[in-house]
C-alpha atoms as a PDB file:
ATOM      1  CA  MET A   1      -7.442 -22.171  -6.017  1.00  0.00           C
ATOM      2  CA  THR A   2      -8.674 -23.949  -2.843  1.00  0.00           C
ATOM      3  CA  LEU A   3      -5.281 -23.890  -1.230  1.00  0.00           C
ATOM      4  CA  LEU A   4      -6.341 -20.140  -1.340  1.00  0.00           C
ATOM      5  CA  PHE A   5      -9.897 -19.888  -0.911  1.00  0.00           C
ATOM      6  CA  ASP A   6     -11.260 -22.876   0.677  1.00  0.00           C
ATOM      7  CA  GLY A   7     -13.754 -22.994   3.378  1.00  0.00           C
ATOM      8  CA  THR A   8     -11.019 -23.197   5.775  1.00  0.00           C
ATOM      9  CA  THR A   9      -8.228 -20.515   4.817  1.00  0.00           C
ATOM     10  CA  THR A  10      -8.509 -16.873   6.033  1.00  0.00           C
ATOM     11  CA  PHE A  11      -6.237 -13.749   5.511  1.00  0.00           C
ATOM     12  CA  LEU A  12      -5.683 -13.037   9.293  1.00  0.00           C
ATOM     13  CA  PRO A  13      -1.876 -13.976  10.763  1.00  0.00           C
ATOM     14  CA  GLY A  14      -1.790 -17.496  12.514  1.00  0.00           C
ATOM     15  CA  HIS A  15      -4.479 -18.981  10.565  1.00  0.00           C
ATOM     16  CA  GLY A  16      -1.583 -20.793   8.215  1.00  0.00           C
ATOM     17  CA  LEU A  17      -2.680 -24.074   6.176  1.00  0.00           C
ATOM     18  CA  VAL A  18      -1.187 -27.219   6.941  1.00  0.00           C
ATOM     19  CA  GLY A  19       1.656 -29.715   5.170  1.00  0.00           C
ATOM     20  CA  PRO A  20       4.258 -29.221   3.239  1.00  0.00           C
ATOM     21  CA  MET A  21       2.176 -26.948   0.566  1.00  0.00           C
ATOM     22  CA  ALA A  22       1.509 -24.394   3.465  1.00  0.00           C
ATOM     23  CA  GLN A  23       1.490 -20.721   2.929  1.00  0.00           C
ATOM     24  CA  SER A  24       1.504 -17.994   5.437  1.00  0.00           C
ATOM     25  CA  SER A  25      -1.206 -15.829   5.466  1.00  0.00           C
ATOM     26  CA  ALA A  26       1.311 -12.609   4.373  1.00  0.00           C
ATOM     27  CA  GLU A  27       1.954 -14.633   1.723  1.00  0.00           C
ATOM     28  CA  ARG A  28      -1.555 -15.287  -0.126  1.00  0.00           C
ATOM     29  CA  LEU A  29      -2.240 -11.644   0.466  1.00  0.00           C
ATOM     30  CA  LEU A  30       0.945 -10.855  -1.475  1.00  0.00           C
ATOM     31  CA  ILE A  31      -0.249 -13.428  -4.111  1.00  0.00           C
ATOM     32  CA  VAL A  32      -3.869 -12.312  -4.382  1.00  0.00           C
ATOM     33  CA  ALA A  33      -2.041  -8.949  -5.203  1.00  0.00           C
ATOM     34  CA  ILE A  34       0.074  -9.863  -7.697  1.00  0.00           C
ATOM     35  CA  GLY A  35      -2.546 -11.862  -9.374  1.00  0.00           C
ATOM     36  CA  LEU A  36      -4.461  -8.553  -9.738  1.00  0.00           C
ATOM     37  CA  GLN A  37      -1.583  -6.722 -11.316  1.00  0.00           C
ATOM     38  CA  VAL A  38      -1.751  -9.510 -13.910  1.00  0.00           C
ATOM     39  CA  ALA A  39      -4.972  -9.912 -14.413  1.00  0.00           C
ATOM     40  CA  LEU A  40      -4.729  -5.834 -15.116  1.00  0.00           C
ATOM     41  CA  ALA A  41      -1.888  -6.637 -17.367  1.00  0.00           C
ATOM     42  CA  LEU A  42      -3.547  -8.819 -19.960  1.00  0.00           C
ATOM     43  CA  PRO A  43      -6.047  -6.132 -21.227  1.00  0.00           C
ATOM     44  CA  SER A  44      -3.562  -3.465 -21.299  1.00  0.00           C
ATOM     45  CA  LEU A  45      -1.347  -5.183 -23.345  1.00  0.00           C
ATOM     46  CA  ALA A  46      -4.739  -5.985 -25.471  1.00  0.00           C
ATOM     47  CA  ALA A  47      -5.674  -2.242 -25.058  1.00  0.00           C
ATOM     48  CA  LEU A  48      -1.827  -0.956 -26.520  1.00  0.00           C
ATOM     49  CA  MET A  49      -2.261  -3.058 -29.722  1.00  0.00           C
ATOM     50  CA  LEU A  50      -5.379  -1.665 -30.383  1.00  0.00           C
ATOM     51  CA  ASP A  51      -6.217   1.700 -29.062  1.00  0.00           C
ATOM     52  CA  ASP A  52      -4.134   4.138 -30.590  1.00  0.00           C
ATOM     53  CA  ARG A  53      -5.038   7.018 -28.202  1.00  0.00           C
ATOM     54  CA  LEU A  54      -1.750   8.828 -27.251  1.00  0.00           C
ATOM     55  CA  LEU A  55      -0.478  10.931 -23.977  1.00  0.00           C
ATOM     56  CA  ASN A  56       2.485  12.412 -23.686  1.00  0.00           C
ATOM     57  CA  GLY A  57       3.364  10.716 -27.444  1.00  0.00           C
ATOM     58  CA  VAL A  58       3.092   7.635 -26.181  1.00  0.00           C
ATOM     59  CA  SER A  59       0.269   5.053 -26.210  1.00  0.00           C
ATOM     60  CA  VAL A  60      -1.775   5.794 -22.959  1.00  0.00           C
ATOM     61  CA  TRP A  61      -1.648   1.932 -22.019  1.00  0.00           C
ATOM     62  CA  SER A  62       2.515   2.496 -21.268  1.00  0.00           C
ATOM     63  CA  LYS A  63       2.506   3.914 -17.878  1.00  0.00           C
ATOM     64  CA  PRO A  64      -0.095   1.067 -16.929  1.00  0.00           C
ATOM     65  CA  LEU A  65       2.257  -1.821 -18.577  1.00  0.00           C
ATOM     66  CA  LYS A  66       5.382  -0.337 -16.920  1.00  0.00           C
ATOM     67  CA  PHE A  67       3.746   0.060 -13.567  1.00  0.00           C
ATOM     68  CA  GLN A  68       2.288  -3.443 -13.625  1.00  0.00           C
ATOM     69  CA  ALA A  69       5.349  -5.180 -14.367  1.00  0.00           C
ATOM     70  CA  SER A  70       6.749  -3.110 -11.726  1.00  0.00           C
ATOM     71  CA  LEU A  71       4.706  -3.827  -8.923  1.00  0.00           C
ATOM     72  CA  VAL A  72       4.796  -7.423  -9.810  1.00  0.00           C
ATOM     73  CA  LEU A  73       8.318  -7.112  -9.259  1.00  0.00           C
ATOM     74  CA  MET A  74       8.173  -5.555  -6.234  1.00  0.00           C
ATOM     75  CA  LEU A  75       5.866  -7.225  -4.537  1.00  0.00           C
ATOM     76  CA  GLY A  76       7.163 -10.564  -5.996  1.00  0.00           C
ATOM     77  CA  THR A  77      10.522  -9.414  -4.369  1.00  0.00           C
ATOM     78  CA  ILE A  78       8.768  -9.761  -0.987  1.00  0.00           C
ATOM     79  CA  LEU A  79       6.794 -12.787  -1.316  1.00  0.00           C
ATOM     80  CA  LEU A  80       9.959 -14.666  -2.417  1.00  0.00           C
ATOM     81  CA  LEU A  81      12.385 -12.998   0.325  1.00  0.00           C
ATOM     82  CA  LEU A  82       9.952 -13.658   3.449  1.00  0.00           C
ATOM     83  CA  PRO A  83       9.901 -17.238   3.617  1.00  0.00           C
ATOM     84  CA  LEU A  84      13.891 -15.964   4.997  1.00  0.00           C
ATOM     85  CA  ILE A  85      12.463 -13.822   7.922  1.00  0.00           C
ATOM     86  CA  GLU A  86      11.849 -16.383  11.210  1.00  0.00           C
ATOM     87  CA  THR A  87       8.635 -18.446  10.843  1.00  0.00           C
ATOM     88  CA  THR A  88       7.024 -17.268  14.005  1.00  0.00           C
ATOM     89  CA  VAL A  89       7.702 -13.287  13.106  1.00  0.00           C
ATOM     90  CA  ARG A  90       6.370 -14.458   9.495  1.00  0.00           C
ATOM     91  CA  GLU A  91       3.378 -15.147  10.819  1.00  0.00           C
ATOM     92  CA  GLY A  92       2.897 -12.530  13.502  1.00  0.00           C
ATOM     93  CA  TRP A  93       1.230  -9.009  12.869  1.00  0.00           C
ATOM     94  CA  GLY A  94       3.636  -6.754  11.768  1.00  0.00           C
ATOM     95  CA  VAL A  95       4.533  -8.648   8.998  1.00  0.00           C
ATOM     96  CA  TRP A  96       1.626  -9.350   7.850  1.00  0.00           C
ATOM     97  CA  LEU A  97       0.597  -5.355   8.285  1.00  0.00           C
ATOM     98  CA  ALA A  98       2.962  -4.734   6.086  1.00  0.00           C
ATOM     99  CA  CYS A  99       1.978  -6.597   3.816  1.00  0.00           C
ATOM    100  CA  LEU A 100      -1.596  -5.679   3.510  1.00  0.00           C
ATOM    101  CA  LEU A 101      -0.360  -2.168   3.356  1.00  0.00           C
ATOM    102  CA  ALA A 102       2.134  -3.409   0.480  1.00  0.00           C
ATOM    103  CA  CYS A 103      -0.597  -4.878  -1.191  1.00  0.00           C
ATOM    104  CA  VAL A 104      -3.609  -2.102  -1.100  1.00  0.00           C
ATOM    105  CA  THR A 105      -1.584   0.504  -1.613  1.00  0.00           C
ATOM    106  CA  ALA A 106       0.036  -1.136  -4.669  1.00  0.00           C
ATOM    107  CA  SER A 107      -3.825  -2.438  -5.860  1.00  0.00           C
ATOM    108  CA  GLY A 108      -5.178   1.103  -5.430  1.00  0.00           C
ATOM    109  CA  GLU A 109      -2.233   2.659  -7.381  1.00  0.00           C
ATOM    110  CA  ILE A 110      -2.439   0.137 -10.039  1.00  0.00           C
ATOM    111  CA  LEU A 111      -6.257   0.651 -10.249  1.00  0.00           C
ATOM    112  CA  TYR A 112      -6.302   4.534 -11.105  1.00  0.00           C
ATOM    113  CA  ILE A 113      -3.554   4.049 -13.424  1.00  0.00           C
ATOM    114  CA  THR A 114      -5.166   2.027 -15.160  1.00  0.00           C
ATOM    115  CA  LEU A 115      -8.456   3.384 -14.927  1.00  0.00           C
ATOM    116  CA  GLN A 116      -7.062   7.248 -16.129  1.00  0.00           C
ATOM    117  CA  ALA A 117      -5.480   4.923 -19.421  1.00  0.00           C
ATOM    118  CA  ALA A 118      -8.675   4.007 -20.001  1.00  0.00           C
ATOM    119  CA  ARG A 119     -10.330   7.826 -20.003  1.00  0.00           C
ATOM    120  CA  GLY A 120      -7.010   8.937 -21.634  1.00  0.00           C
ATOM    121  CA  ARG A 121      -5.883  11.191 -18.892  1.00  0.00           C
ATOM    122  CA  ALA A 122      -2.967  11.619 -16.879  1.00  0.00           C
ATOM    123  CA  SER A 123      -3.097   9.622 -13.775  1.00  0.00           C
ATOM    124  CA  HIS A 124       0.331  11.860 -12.425  1.00  0.00           C
ATOM    125  CA  PHE A 125       1.074  15.181 -12.640  1.00  0.00           C
ATOM    126  CA  ASN A 126      -2.375  15.819 -12.786  1.00  0.00           C
ATOM    127  CA  ALA A 127      -4.545  17.874 -10.573  1.00  0.00           C
ATOM    128  CA  GLU A 128      -6.695  19.622 -13.574  1.00  0.00           C
ATOM    129  CA  THR A 129     -10.098  18.353 -11.544  1.00  0.00           C
ATOM    130  CA  PRO A 130     -10.702  18.601  -8.249  1.00  0.00           C
ATOM    131  CA  ILE A 131     -10.752  14.870  -8.431  1.00  0.00           C
ATOM    132  CA  GLU A 132      -7.834  14.084  -9.808  1.00  0.00           C
ATOM    133  CA  ALA A 133      -6.118  16.421  -7.676  1.00  0.00           C
ATOM    134  CA  LEU A 134      -7.326  14.600  -4.715  1.00  0.00           C
ATOM    135  CA  ALA A 135      -6.405  11.233  -6.301  1.00  0.00           C
ATOM    136  CA  TYR A 136      -3.000  12.535  -7.278  1.00  0.00           C
ATOM    137  CA  GLY A 137      -1.794  13.531  -3.696  1.00  0.00           C
ATOM    138  CA  MET A 138      -3.912   9.838  -2.537  1.00  0.00           C
ATOM    139  CA  MET A 139      -1.221   8.202  -4.949  1.00  0.00           C
ATOM    140  CA  GLY A 140       1.379   9.876  -3.444  1.00  0.00           C
ATOM    141  CA  ILE A 141       0.805   8.804   0.029  1.00  0.00           C
ATOM    142  CA  GLY A 142       0.141   5.458  -1.129  1.00  0.00           C
ATOM    143  CA  ALA A 143       3.109   5.094  -2.935  1.00  0.00           C
ATOM    144  CA  ALA A 144       4.791   6.726  -0.026  1.00  0.00           C
ATOM    145  CA  LEU A 145       3.196   3.809   2.328  1.00  0.00           C
ATOM    146  CA  LEU A 146       3.941   0.678  -0.197  1.00  0.00           C
ATOM    147  CA  VAL A 147       8.006   1.896   0.007  1.00  0.00           C
ATOM    148  CA  LEU A 148       7.628   1.960   3.544  1.00  0.00           C
ATOM    149  CA  ALA A 149       6.316  -1.314   4.019  1.00  0.00           C
ATOM    150  CA  SER A 150       8.776  -2.773   2.247  1.00  0.00           C
ATOM    151  CA  LEU A 151      11.607  -0.740   4.625  1.00  0.00           C
ATOM    152  CA  THR A 152       9.422  -2.671   7.420  1.00  0.00           C
ATOM    153  CA  ILE A 153       9.927  -6.310   5.459  1.00  0.00           C
ATOM    154  CA  GLY A 154      13.581  -5.339   5.046  1.00  0.00           C
ATOM    155  CA  LEU A 155      14.006  -4.676   8.357  1.00  0.00           C
ATOM    156  CA  PHE A 156      12.262  -7.738   9.887  1.00  0.00           C
ATOM    157  CA  LEU A 157      14.567  -9.527   7.591  1.00  0.00           C
ATOM    158  CA  LEU A 158      18.074  -7.981   9.079  1.00  0.00           C
ATOM    159  CA  LEU A 159      16.921  -8.182  12.512  1.00  0.00           C
ATOM    160  CA  ARG A 160      15.150 -11.508  12.579  1.00  0.00           C
ATOM    161  CA  PRO A 161      16.559 -13.886   9.840  1.00  0.00           C
ATOM    162  CA  ALA A 162      15.369 -17.302   9.812  1.00  0.00           C
ATOM    163  CA  PRO A 163      18.176 -19.928  11.578  1.00  0.00           C
ATOM    164  CA  ASP A 164      18.341 -21.623   8.243  1.00  0.00           C
ATOM    165  CA  ALA A 165      18.515 -19.148   6.034  1.00  0.00           C
ATOM    166  CA  SER A 166      20.926 -18.277   2.920  1.00  0.00           C
ATOM    167  CA  ALA A 167      23.249 -15.861   4.019  1.00  0.00           C
ATOM    168  CA  GLY A 168      24.211 -14.038   0.974  1.00  0.00           C
ATOM    169  CA  LEU A 169      20.706 -14.164   0.359  1.00  0.00           C
ATOM    170  CA  GLN A 170      19.259 -12.962   3.367  1.00  0.00           C
ATOM    171  CA  LEU A 171      22.263 -10.000   3.902  1.00  0.00           C
ATOM    172  CA  GLY A 172      21.142  -8.912  -0.146  1.00  0.00           C
ATOM    173  CA  GLY A 173      17.505  -8.750   0.661  1.00  0.00           C
ATOM    174  CA  ALA A 174      17.562  -7.036   3.629  1.00  0.00           C
ATOM    175  CA  TRP A 175      19.806  -4.830   2.600  1.00  0.00           C
ATOM    176  CA  GLY A 176      18.095  -4.527  -0.753  1.00  0.00           C
ATOM    177  CA  LEU A 177      14.942  -3.863   0.861  1.00  0.00           C
ATOM    178  CA  ILE A 178      16.692  -1.083   3.346  1.00  0.00           C
ATOM    179  CA  LEU A 179      18.368   1.071   0.906  1.00  0.00           C
ATOM    180  CA  GLY A 180      16.430   0.308  -1.840  1.00  0.00           C
ATOM    181  CA  SER A 181      13.282   2.229  -0.144  1.00  0.00           C
ATOM    182  CA  VAL A 182      15.046   5.105   1.294  1.00  0.00           C
ATOM    183  CA  LEU A 183      17.025   5.889  -1.998  1.00  0.00           C
ATOM    184  CA  THR A 184      13.346   5.198  -3.663  1.00  0.00           C
ATOM    185  CA  LEU A 185      11.963   7.344  -1.281  1.00  0.00           C
ATOM    186  CA  LEU A 186      13.911  10.303  -1.536  1.00  0.00           C
ATOM    187  CA  THR A 187      14.533  10.091  -5.573  1.00  0.00           C
ATOM    188  CA  ALA A 188      10.215   9.976  -5.808  1.00  0.00           C
ATOM    189  CA  PHE A 189       9.923  12.875  -3.778  1.00  0.00           C
ATOM    190  CA  ALA A 190      12.497  14.635  -6.051  1.00  0.00           C
ATOM    191  CA  LEU A 191      10.036  13.860  -8.827  1.00  0.00           C
ATOM    192  CA  GLY A 192       6.810  14.329  -7.196  1.00  0.00           C
ATOM    193  CA  SER A 193       7.644  17.825  -6.282  1.00  0.00           C
ATOM    194  CA  GLY A 194       8.111  19.094  -9.553  1.00  0.00           C
ATOM    195  CA  GLN A 195      10.869  21.824  -7.714  1.00  0.00           C
ATOM    196  CA  ILE A 196      13.481  20.553 -10.474  1.00  0.00           C
ATOM    197  CA  GLY A 197      12.564  21.270 -13.920  1.00  0.00           C
ATOM    198  CA  GLY A 198       8.905  22.092 -13.221  1.00  0.00           C
ATOM    199  CA  PRO A 199       5.726  19.257 -13.194  1.00  0.00           C
ATOM    200  CA  GLY A 200       6.688  16.611 -14.782  1.00  0.00           C
ATOM    201  CA  HIS A 201       9.894  14.161 -14.892  1.00  0.00           C
ATOM    202  CA  TRP A 202      11.558  15.947 -17.670  1.00  0.00           C
ATOM    203  CA  VAL A 203      14.252  19.010 -16.865  1.00  0.00           C
ATOM    204  CA  GLY A 204      14.915  20.932 -20.030  1.00  0.00           C
ATOM    205  CA  GLY A 205      14.259  19.479 -23.722  1.00  0.00           C
ATOM    206  CA  VAL A 206      11.414  18.484 -25.142  1.00  0.00           C
ATOM    207  CA  ARG A 207       8.370  17.825 -22.478  1.00  0.00           C
ATOM    208  CA  THR A 208       7.622  14.392 -24.527  1.00  0.00           C
ATOM    209  CA  ASP A 209       7.872  11.077 -24.291  1.00  0.00           C
ATOM    210  CA  ALA A 210       8.054  10.529 -27.648  1.00  0.00           C
ATOM    211  CA  GLY A 211      11.063   9.027 -28.933  1.00  0.00           C
ATOM    212  CA  GLY A 212      12.263   7.918 -25.531  1.00  0.00           C
ATOM    213  CA  LEU A 213      14.713   5.404 -24.715  1.00  0.00           C
ATOM    214  CA  LEU A 214      13.698   2.005 -26.455  1.00  0.00           C
ATOM    215  CA  LEU A 215      11.302   0.091 -23.335  1.00  0.00           C
ATOM    216  CA  PHE A 216      12.055   2.923 -20.931  1.00  0.00           C
ATOM    217  CA  GLY A 217      11.084   5.710 -22.746  1.00  0.00           C
ATOM    218  CA  TRP A 218      13.463   8.116 -20.906  1.00  0.00           C
ATOM    219  CA  SER A 219      14.448  11.244 -22.227  1.00  0.00           C
ATOM    220  CA  ARG A 220      16.834  11.460 -24.870  1.00  0.00           C
ATOM    221  CA  SER A 221      17.008  15.319 -25.555  1.00  0.00           C
ATOM    222  CA  GLY A 222      16.891  16.318 -22.035  1.00  0.00           C
ATOM    223  CA  GLY A 223      17.786  15.287 -17.846  1.00  0.00           C
ATOM    224  CA  ASP A 224      14.838  12.525 -16.573  1.00  0.00           C
ATOM    225  CA  LEU A 225      14.078  12.286 -13.439  1.00  0.00           C
ATOM    226  CA  ARG A 226      12.597   8.659 -14.083  1.00  0.00           C
ATOM    227  CA  VAL A 227      16.032   7.367 -14.070  1.00  0.00           C
ATOM    228  CA  PRO A 228      17.654   7.831 -10.741  1.00  0.00           C
ATOM    229  CA  HIS A 229      14.164   6.533  -9.866  1.00  0.00           C
ATOM    230  CA  PHE A 230      14.162   3.254 -11.590  1.00  0.00           C
ATOM    231  CA  PHE A 231      17.763   2.425 -10.744  1.00  0.00           C
ATOM    232  CA  ALA A 232      16.848   3.070  -6.984  1.00  0.00           C
ATOM    233  CA  THR A 233      14.078   1.134  -6.627  1.00  0.00           C
ATOM    234  CA  HIS A 234      15.519  -1.845  -8.700  1.00  0.00           C
ATOM    235  CA  ILE A 235      18.128  -1.884  -5.872  1.00  0.00           C
ATOM    236  CA  MET A 236      15.617  -3.836  -3.697  1.00  0.00           C
ATOM    237  CA  GLN A 237      15.881  -6.934  -6.282  1.00  0.00           C
ATOM    238  CA  ALA A 238      19.854  -6.454  -7.433  1.00  0.00           C
ATOM    239  CA  LEU A 239      21.746  -6.874  -4.174  1.00  0.00           C
ATOM    240  CA  PRO A 240      19.726  -9.803  -3.534  1.00  0.00           C
ATOM    241  CA  ILE A 241      20.835 -11.645  -6.391  1.00  0.00           C
ATOM    242  CA  VAL A 242      24.215  -9.897  -5.842  1.00  0.00           C
ATOM    243  CA  GLY A 243      24.097 -11.430  -2.363  1.00  0.00           C
ATOM    244  CA  LEU A 244      22.647 -15.462  -3.897  1.00  0.00           C
ATOM    245  CA  VAL A 245      25.797 -15.275  -6.521  1.00  0.00           C
ATOM    246  CA  LEU A 246      28.448 -14.311  -4.042  1.00  0.00           C
ATOM    247  CA  GLU A 247      27.424 -17.185  -1.912  1.00  0.00           C
ATOM    248  CA  LEU A 248      27.035 -19.311  -4.304  1.00  0.00           C
ATOM    249  CA  VAL A 249      30.718 -18.466  -5.816  1.00  0.00           C
ATOM    250  CA  MET A 250      32.630 -16.884  -3.224  1.00  0.00           C
ATOM    251  CA  PRO A 251      31.270 -17.330   0.311  1.00  0.00           C
ATOM    252  CA  ARG A 252      33.585 -15.782   2.037  1.00  0.00           C
ATOM    253  CA  LEU A 253      33.605 -12.285   0.520  1.00  0.00           C
ATOM    254  CA  VAL A 254      29.579 -12.090   0.998  1.00  0.00           C
ATOM    255  CA  VAL A 255      29.798  -9.321   3.552  1.00  0.00           C
ATOM    256  CA  ALA A 256      32.447  -7.176   1.283  1.00  0.00           C
ATOM    257  CA  GLY A 257      30.554  -7.991  -1.836  1.00  0.00           C
ATOM    258  CA  LEU A 258      27.188  -6.556  -0.893  1.00  0.00           C
ATOM    259  CA  LEU A 259      28.716  -3.274   0.691  1.00  0.00           C
ATOM    260  CA  ALA A 260      30.701  -2.483  -2.031  1.00  0.00           C
ATOM    261  CA  ALA A 261      27.548  -3.943  -4.153  1.00  0.00           C
ATOM    262  CA  GLY A 262      25.631  -1.019  -2.021  1.00  0.00           C
ATOM    263  CA  THR A 263      27.916   1.575  -2.576  1.00  0.00           C
ATOM    264  CA  LEU A 264      28.216   0.885  -6.625  1.00  0.00           C
ATOM    265  CA  SER A 265      24.190   1.466  -5.830  1.00  0.00           C
ATOM    266  CA  ILE A 266      23.901   5.074  -4.119  1.00  0.00           C
ATOM    267  CA  ALA A 267      26.666   5.980  -6.470  1.00  0.00           C
ATOM    268  CA  VAL A 268      24.730   5.093  -9.525  1.00  0.00           C
ATOM    269  CA  VAL A 269      21.324   6.794  -7.834  1.00  0.00           C
ATOM    270  CA  ALA A 270      23.353  10.040  -7.439  1.00  0.00           C
ATOM    271  CA  GLY A 271      25.421   9.963 -10.249  1.00  0.00           C
ATOM    272  CA  THR A 272      21.974   9.853 -12.596  1.00  0.00           C
ATOM    273  CA  PHE A 273      20.182  11.720 -10.187  1.00  0.00           C
ATOM    274  CA  LEU A 274      22.873  14.744 -11.111  1.00  0.00           C
ATOM    275  CA  GLN A 275      22.806  13.604 -14.413  1.00  0.00           C
ATOM    276  CA  ALA A 276      19.016  14.229 -14.729  1.00  0.00           C
ATOM    277  CA  VAL A 277      18.879  17.817 -12.637  1.00  0.00           C
ATOM    278  CA  GLY A 278      21.766  18.774 -15.011  1.00  0.00           C
ATOM    279  CA  GLY A 279      19.266  17.888 -18.048  1.00  0.00           C
ATOM    280  CA  ARG A 280      21.520  16.068 -19.494  1.00  0.00           C
ATOM    281  CA  PRO A 281      19.638  12.761 -20.968  1.00  0.00           C
ATOM    282  CA  PHE A 282      20.641   8.738 -19.752  1.00  0.00           C
ATOM    283  CA  PHE A 283      21.632   7.938 -23.376  1.00  0.00           C
END
């Protein structure tokens, strides 16, 4: 912990630690934000087993746990990819501000979602009171800013890579963050607008999460707009993995392989979106 919080440590760019254990200020911000998600996930998991209250047919603690896991994965992806950015850029204000924005918006989002679960109230699509309507609107803005922050990191990674960066991981990470961010914004807008199937993520079928697909909770009686949103978001992890594998086994095909994987990713998001809009369950 002294590496993070000793008397000489600051969260401002340009004040990194010295030595082999050094971390940039942006990296330390991400570590703290990930720690918050984990710290909230532990009591959420305990509450899932002890609290029998339901919301939309499932435990009130189901949504916080899903978001805590998803945000750990998203922030962790950015954290792991940061060293692939050129050192002077990584330690500059641009990367620091993007990471700060990601950490603040992710933390604010999960705090509100967890608070609403503790109250037995919905966090999403809930405008029943003026405060909840305001909070839902702010949460939407925060989610968009979070995704734009990941897009920014992807651009830094694409345009200013470290000289010794693994080509497959660097290109996969860059295109994963860029493509995943763009498609996440598009699917999130469709999901949050309430113009497809009315407010909520359901399109046709029974408007409940009870009996949903194992682990994911996606509707099995009708369309579910969370499906394309899920695939769009996790392009951020899929393409870096594809790039890393390609460099290890077929280094000459890194660019072509990533192009094919990116095209396939777009097709999966588009296909599951059309499936959901048509009122058909994913599985």
